[in-house]
Protein backbone atom coordinates (compact mmCIF):
# COMPACT_ATOMS: atom_id res chain seq x y z
CA UNK A 1 0.00 0.00 0.00
CA UNK A 2 1.45 3.40 -0.94
CA UNK A 3 2.28 5.83 1.85
CA UNK A 4 -0.46 8.49 1.84
CA UNK A 5 1.91 11.02 3.43
CA UNK A 6 4.07 10.79 0.30
CA UNK A 7 1.08 10.98 -2.05
CA UNK A 8 -0.27 14.14 -0.40
CA UNK A 9 3.18 15.70 -0.70
CA UNK A 10 3.49 14.69 -4.37
CA UNK A 11 0.01 16.00 -5.24
CA UNK A 12 0.82 19.57 -4.28
CA UNK A 13 -0.35 22.15 -6.79
CA UNK A 14 1.37 25.40 -7.70
CA UNK A 15 -0.26 27.27 -4.80
CA UNK A 16 0.91 24.69 -2.27
CA UNK A 17 4.44 24.81 -3.66
CA UNK A 18 4.48 28.59 -3.29
CA UNK A 19 3.11 28.30 0.25
CA UNK A 20 5.88 25.82 1.11
CA UNK A 21 8.42 28.39 -0.09
CA UNK A 22 7.10 31.25 2.09
CA UNK A 23 9.05 31.44 5.39
CA UNK A 24 6.92 30.65 8.43
CA UNK A 25 4.16 29.03 6.39
CA UNK A 26 6.04 25.88 5.41
CA UNK A 27 5.56 24.01 8.71
CA UNK A 28 1.88 24.88 8.85
CA UNK A 29 1.36 23.62 5.27
CA UNK A 30 3.16 20.36 6.06
CA UNK A 31 0.98 19.82 9.12
CA UNK A 32 -2.17 20.51 7.12
CA UNK A 33 -1.02 17.92 4.57
CA UNK A 34 -0.51 15.44 7.39
CA UNK A 35 -3.96 16.24 8.72
CA UNK A 36 -5.43 15.59 5.27
CA UNK A 37 -3.60 12.27 5.06
CA UNK A 38 -4.88 11.36 8.53
CA UNK A 39 -8.46 12.23 7.53
CA UNK A 40 -8.24 10.22 4.30
CA UNK A 41 -6.98 7.16 6.16
CA UNK A 42 -9.73 7.32 8.79
CA UNK A 43 -12.37 7.78 6.09
CA UNK A 44 -11.10 4.59 4.45
CA UNK A 45 -11.13 2.76 7.79
CA UNK A 46 -14.78 3.68 8.27
CA UNK A 47 -15.69 2.58 4.72
CA UNK A 48 -13.96 -0.79 5.15
CA UNK A 49 -15.54 -1.36 8.56
CA UNK A 50 -18.96 -0.59 7.12
CA UNK A 51 -18.45 -3.00 4.22
CA UNK A 52 -17.31 -5.74 6.57
CA UNK A 53 -20.27 -5.13 8.89
CA UNK A 54 -22.63 -5.48 5.93
CA UNK A 55 -21.01 -8.81 5.06
CA UNK A 56 -21.59 -10.02 8.61
CA UNK A 57 -25.20 -8.82 8.41
CA UNK A 58 -25.56 -10.89 5.24
CA UNK A 59 -24.03 -13.91 6.97
CA UNK A 60 -26.52 -13.47 9.80
CA UNK A 61 -29.26 -14.46 7.32
CA UNK A 62 -27.57 -17.86 7.03
CA UNK A 63 -27.79 -18.18 10.81
CA UNK A 64 -31.52 -17.42 10.82
CA UNK A 65 -32.16 -20.33 8.48
CA UNK A 66 -29.96 -22.99 10.05
CA UNK A 67 -29.15 -22.15 13.67
CA UNK A 68 -30.73 -21.23 16.96
CA UNK A 69 -30.84 -18.04 19.00
CA UNK A 70 -27.35 -18.55 20.46
CA UNK A 71 -25.73 -18.04 17.06
CA UNK A 72 -28.06 -15.14 16.24
CA UNK A 73 -27.06 -13.43 19.49
CA UNK A 74 -23.39 -14.00 18.71
CA UNK A 75 -23.76 -12.46 15.24
CA UNK A 76 -25.70 -9.52 16.70
CA UNK A 77 -22.82 -8.87 19.11
CA UNK A 78 -20.35 -8.83 16.23
CA UNK A 79 -22.51 -6.39 14.27
CA UNK A 80 -22.81 -4.14 17.35
CA UNK A 81 -19.03 -4.22 17.81
CA UNK A 82 -18.58 -3.17 14.19
CA UNK A 83 -21.00 -0.28 14.63
CA UNK A 84 -19.14 0.83 17.74
CA UNK A 85 -15.71 0.98 16.08
CA UNK A 86 -17.21 2.62 12.98
CA UNK A 87 -18.49 5.39 15.24
CA UNK A 88 -15.15 5.72 17.01
CA UNK A 89 -13.26 6.03 13.74
CA UNK A 90 -15.83 8.30 12.15
CA UNK A 91 -16.13 10.82 14.97
CA UNK A 92 -12.57 11.03 16.31
CA UNK A 93 -10.36 14.10 16.25
CA UNK A 94 -8.38 14.65 13.08
CA UNK A 95 -4.67 14.90 13.71
CA UNK A 96 -3.13 18.36 13.78
CA UNK A 97 -5.85 20.79 14.73
CA UNK A 98 -4.46 24.24 14.02
CA UNK A 99 -2.53 26.95 15.79
CA UNK A 100 -5.15 28.06 18.33
CA UNK A 101 -6.76 24.73 19.11
CA UNK A 102 -6.89 23.26 22.61
CA UNK A 103 -4.88 20.22 21.54
CA UNK A 104 -1.94 20.81 19.22
CA UNK A 105 0.20 18.21 17.52
CA UNK A 106 3.83 18.04 16.65
CA UNK A 107 4.74 16.47 13.36
CA UNK A 108 6.14 13.30 14.97
CA UNK A 109 2.82 12.82 16.79
CA UNK A 110 0.97 12.98 13.47
CA UNK A 111 3.27 10.26 12.14
CA UNK A 112 2.48 8.13 15.22
CA UNK A 113 -1.23 8.58 14.52
CA UNK A 114 -0.65 7.60 10.91
CA UNK A 115 1.21 4.49 12.05
CA UNK A 116 -1.74 3.52 14.26
CA UNK A 117 -4.07 3.93 11.29
CA UNK A 118 -1.79 1.92 9.02
CA UNK A 119 -1.67 -0.94 11.54
CA UNK A 120 -5.46 -0.86 11.79
CA UNK A 121 -5.65 -1.27 8.01
CA UNK A 122 -3.64 -4.46 8.44
CA UNK A 123 -6.13 -5.50 11.13
CA UNK A 124 -8.96 -5.00 8.64
CA UNK A 125 -7.35 -7.57 6.35
CA UNK A 126 -7.28 -10.12 9.19
CA UNK A 127 -10.90 -9.28 10.00
CA UNK A 128 -11.86 -9.90 6.36
CA UNK A 129 -10.20 -13.31 6.47
CA UNK A 130 -12.13 -14.13 9.63
CA UNK A 131 -15.40 -13.06 7.98
CA UNK A 132 -14.67 -15.32 5.01
CA UNK A 133 -13.95 -18.26 7.31
CA UNK A 134 -17.08 -17.54 9.35
CA UNK A 135 -19.24 -17.45 6.22
CA UNK A 136 -17.73 -20.74 5.04
CA UNK A 137 -18.50 -22.38 8.39
CA UNK A 138 -22.05 -21.04 8.36
CA UNK A 139 -22.61 -22.23 4.79
CA UNK A 140 -21.32 -25.68 5.77
CA UNK A 141 -23.68 -25.56 8.78
CA UNK A 142 -20.74 -26.38 11.05
CA UNK A 143 -21.95 -24.85 14.32
CA UNK A 144 -18.83 -25.40 16.45
CA UNK A 145 -16.52 -24.06 13.73
CA UNK A 146 -18.83 -21.09 13.14
CA UNK A 147 -18.78 -20.31 16.86
CA UNK A 148 -14.97 -20.49 16.94
CA UNK A 149 -14.67 -18.27 13.84
CA UNK A 150 -17.15 -15.77 15.29
CA UNK A 151 -15.10 -15.65 18.49
CA UNK A 152 -11.94 -15.00 16.46
CA UNK A 153 -13.65 -12.21 14.52
CA UNK A 154 -14.94 -10.62 17.73
CA UNK A 155 -11.41 -10.72 19.20
CA UNK A 156 -10.05 -8.98 16.09
CA UNK A 157 -12.74 -6.28 16.30
CA UNK A 158 -11.98 -5.77 20.00
CA UNK A 159 -8.26 -5.47 19.18
CA UNK A 160 -9.08 -2.90 16.49
CA UNK A 161 -11.09 -0.91 19.04
CA UNK A 162 -8.23 -1.01 21.56
CA UNK A 163 -5.77 0.22 18.94
CA UNK A 164 -8.11 3.05 18.12
CA UNK A 165 -8.49 3.97 21.79
CA UNK A 166 -4.69 4.09 22.13
CA UNK A 167 -4.67 6.38 19.10
CA UNK A 168 -7.18 8.66 20.83
CA UNK A 169 -5.01 8.70 23.94
CA UNK A 170 -2.18 10.08 21.79
CA UNK A 171 -4.53 12.75 20.46
CA UNK A 172 -5.70 13.70 23.94
CA UNK A 173 -2.21 13.61 25.39
CA UNK A 174 -3.14 10.94 27.96
CA UNK A 175 -0.99 8.11 26.62
CA UNK A 176 1.26 6.57 29.27
């Protein structure tokens, strides 16, 4: 996956290049570019989470036809967990927040936030694999395997949420 920080830098128009040349404005422009990269990554996280949640909702239809309320409850919990992390990612603060904001970011902090987001993208790939395995188990009507796969998916979602909370701690300056 290409580094979005590099792409934002490469996509600078003439006005941005001039702004980078003006003394005193260069650092602000770089931080705004980092903020844009941060926003683009989080937008993609939310889109991917939403798509995965919809796949799980589709798989829940298989459960309705072949399984009992235990499996339906389990699938409902997974869907709720997806909705929760979608909300966290969608409504979180966006990186560098300007000169007069309550919380200000240094450039290295923005890169740390970006690294959190990049690792969460990797987590999304693992979550997709778990969804595929869960759907296969549900299609095969293998209850014990479906339960194990659902548990694995839920653990991956919970891990994603924890990573995002650590990211928010960096934003809020409460990371220990």
